[in-house]
Amino acid sequence: MFALTFAYITAKNKSEAKKIGKVLLQERLAACINIFDKMSSMYWWEGKIEEANETVLIAKTTKKLFPKLSKKVKSIHSYSVPCILQLEVKGGNKEYVKWLLENVK
């Protein structure tokens, strides 16, 4: 059984995503961060459809740390309702999983 999870987070731009990622790494809430810039987003907000360019951040962490990670992201994120989703990891390279588990607290 894998104790890993990915946190899928959107940010207003690459700068904010890097800021969030750095904090998560420094606090050992994530072992690795991937950033995908210039994503097109469409969503409902306050009764109408909005469009925006956003940056996606994927933080690799553990199921146990996800609540702390989510709380930290909310405390530093510019959005009033940030997208922070937990994606379950069901398998993977055992050596990578071992490395990841060794690099979070």
Protein backbone atom coordinates (compact mmCIF):
# COMPACT_ATOMS: atom_id res chain seq x y z
CA MET A 1 0.00 0.00 0.00
CA PHE A 2 1.35 3.39 -0.97
CA ALA A 3 1.15 6.22 1.53
CA LEU A 4 1.66 8.80 -1.21
CA THR A 5 -0.62 11.45 -2.57
CA PHE A 6 -0.32 14.32 -5.02
CA ALA A 7 -1.68 17.76 -4.22
CA TYR A 8 -3.02 19.44 -7.37
CA ILE A 9 -2.97 23.20 -6.82
CA THR A 10 -3.69 26.10 -9.16
CA ALA A 11 -2.07 29.52 -8.76
CA LYS A 12 -2.51 32.88 -10.47
CA ASN A 13 0.95 32.72 -12.09
CA LYS A 14 4.33 30.99 -12.09
CA SER A 15 5.75 33.34 -9.47
CA GLU A 16 3.03 32.45 -6.96
CA ALA A 17 3.35 28.73 -7.76
CA LYS A 18 7.12 28.88 -7.13
CA LYS A 19 6.57 30.75 -3.86
CA ILE A 20 4.08 28.12 -2.66
CA GLY A 21 6.32 25.28 -3.84
CA LYS A 22 9.37 26.66 -2.08
CA VAL A 23 7.49 26.98 1.22
CA LEU A 24 6.18 23.41 0.95
CA LEU A 25 9.70 22.11 0.27
CA GLN A 26 11.31 24.17 3.04
CA GLU A 27 8.76 22.91 5.56
CA ARG A 28 9.19 19.32 4.27
CA LEU A 29 5.48 19.08 3.47
CA ALA A 30 6.42 17.94 -0.04
CA ALA A 31 9.47 16.19 -1.48
CA CYS A 32 9.04 17.37 -5.07
CA ILE A 33 7.13 20.11 -6.88
CA ASN A 34 6.17 20.18 -10.57
CA ILE A 35 5.00 23.47 -12.11
CA PHE A 36 3.08 23.75 -15.38
CA ASP A 37 2.77 27.36 -16.51
CA LYS A 38 0.20 29.06 -18.75
CA MET A 39 -2.72 26.68 -18.35
CA SER A 40 -6.06 27.88 -19.69
CA SER A 41 -8.82 27.56 -17.09
CA MET A 42 -12.59 27.95 -17.46
CA TYR A 43 -14.79 27.81 -14.37
CA TRP A 44 -17.94 29.01 -12.67
CA TRP A 45 -17.36 31.96 -10.32
CA GLU A 46 -20.04 34.08 -8.69
CA GLY A 47 -22.75 32.96 -11.11
CA LYS A 48 -20.90 33.29 -14.40
CA ILE A 49 -18.34 31.46 -16.50
CA GLU A 50 -14.84 32.91 -16.19
CA GLU A 51 -11.65 32.28 -18.16
CA ALA A 52 -8.10 32.80 -16.91
CA ASN A 53 -4.52 31.73 -17.43
CA GLU A 54 -3.23 29.91 -14.38
CA THR A 55 -0.26 27.86 -13.30
CA VAL A 56 -0.64 24.31 -12.00
CA LEU A 57 1.51 23.08 -9.15
CA ILE A 58 1.70 19.39 -8.27
CA ALA A 59 3.20 18.69 -4.85
CA LYS A 60 4.28 15.12 -4.11
CA THR A 61 3.66 14.28 -0.48
CA THR A 62 2.11 11.68 1.85
CA LYS A 63 -1.52 11.11 2.75
CA LYS A 64 -0.65 11.89 6.37
CA LEU A 65 0.87 15.29 5.48
CA PHE A 66 -1.85 16.39 3.05
CA PRO A 67 -4.01 18.16 5.68
CA LYS A 68 -1.00 20.22 6.89
CA LEU A 69 0.01 20.95 3.30
CA SER A 70 -3.51 22.10 2.44
CA LYS A 71 -3.67 24.36 5.49
CA LYS A 72 -0.29 25.91 4.64
CA VAL A 73 -1.28 26.55 1.00
CA LYS A 74 -4.53 28.24 2.11
CA SER A 75 -2.56 30.50 4.46
CA ILE A 76 -0.23 31.82 1.71
CA HIS A 77 -2.39 31.60 -1.43
CA SER A 78 -3.76 34.74 -3.09
CA TYR A 79 -7.13 33.15 -3.97
CA SER A 80 -10.00 33.28 -1.48
CA VAL A 81 -10.95 29.73 -2.54
CA PRO A 82 -7.79 28.03 -3.87
CA CYS A 83 -7.98 24.75 -5.76
CA ILE A 84 -6.19 22.18 -3.60
CA LEU A 85 -7.10 18.63 -4.55
CA GLN A 86 -5.74 15.36 -3.23
CA LEU A 87 -4.95 12.75 -5.90
CA GLU A 88 -4.32 9.24 -4.60
CA VAL A 89 -1.20 7.40 -5.79
CA LYS A 90 -1.84 3.68 -6.20
CA GLY A 91 1.53 2.53 -7.47
CA GLY A 92 4.92 3.57 -8.71
CA ASN A 93 8.67 3.06 -8.85
CA LYS A 94 9.56 1.66 -5.40
CA GLU A 95 12.93 3.43 -5.31
CA TYR A 96 11.26 6.76 -6.07
CA VAL A 97 8.61 6.16 -3.41
CA LYS A 98 11.37 5.37 -0.89
CA TRP A 99 13.19 8.60 -1.81
CA LEU A 100 10.00 10.64 -1.52
CA LEU A 101 9.15 9.21 1.91
CA GLU A 102 12.69 9.99 3.11
CA ASN A 103 12.34 13.64 2.10
CA VAL A 104 9.16 14.68 3.91
CA LYS A 105 8.47 15.01 7.62
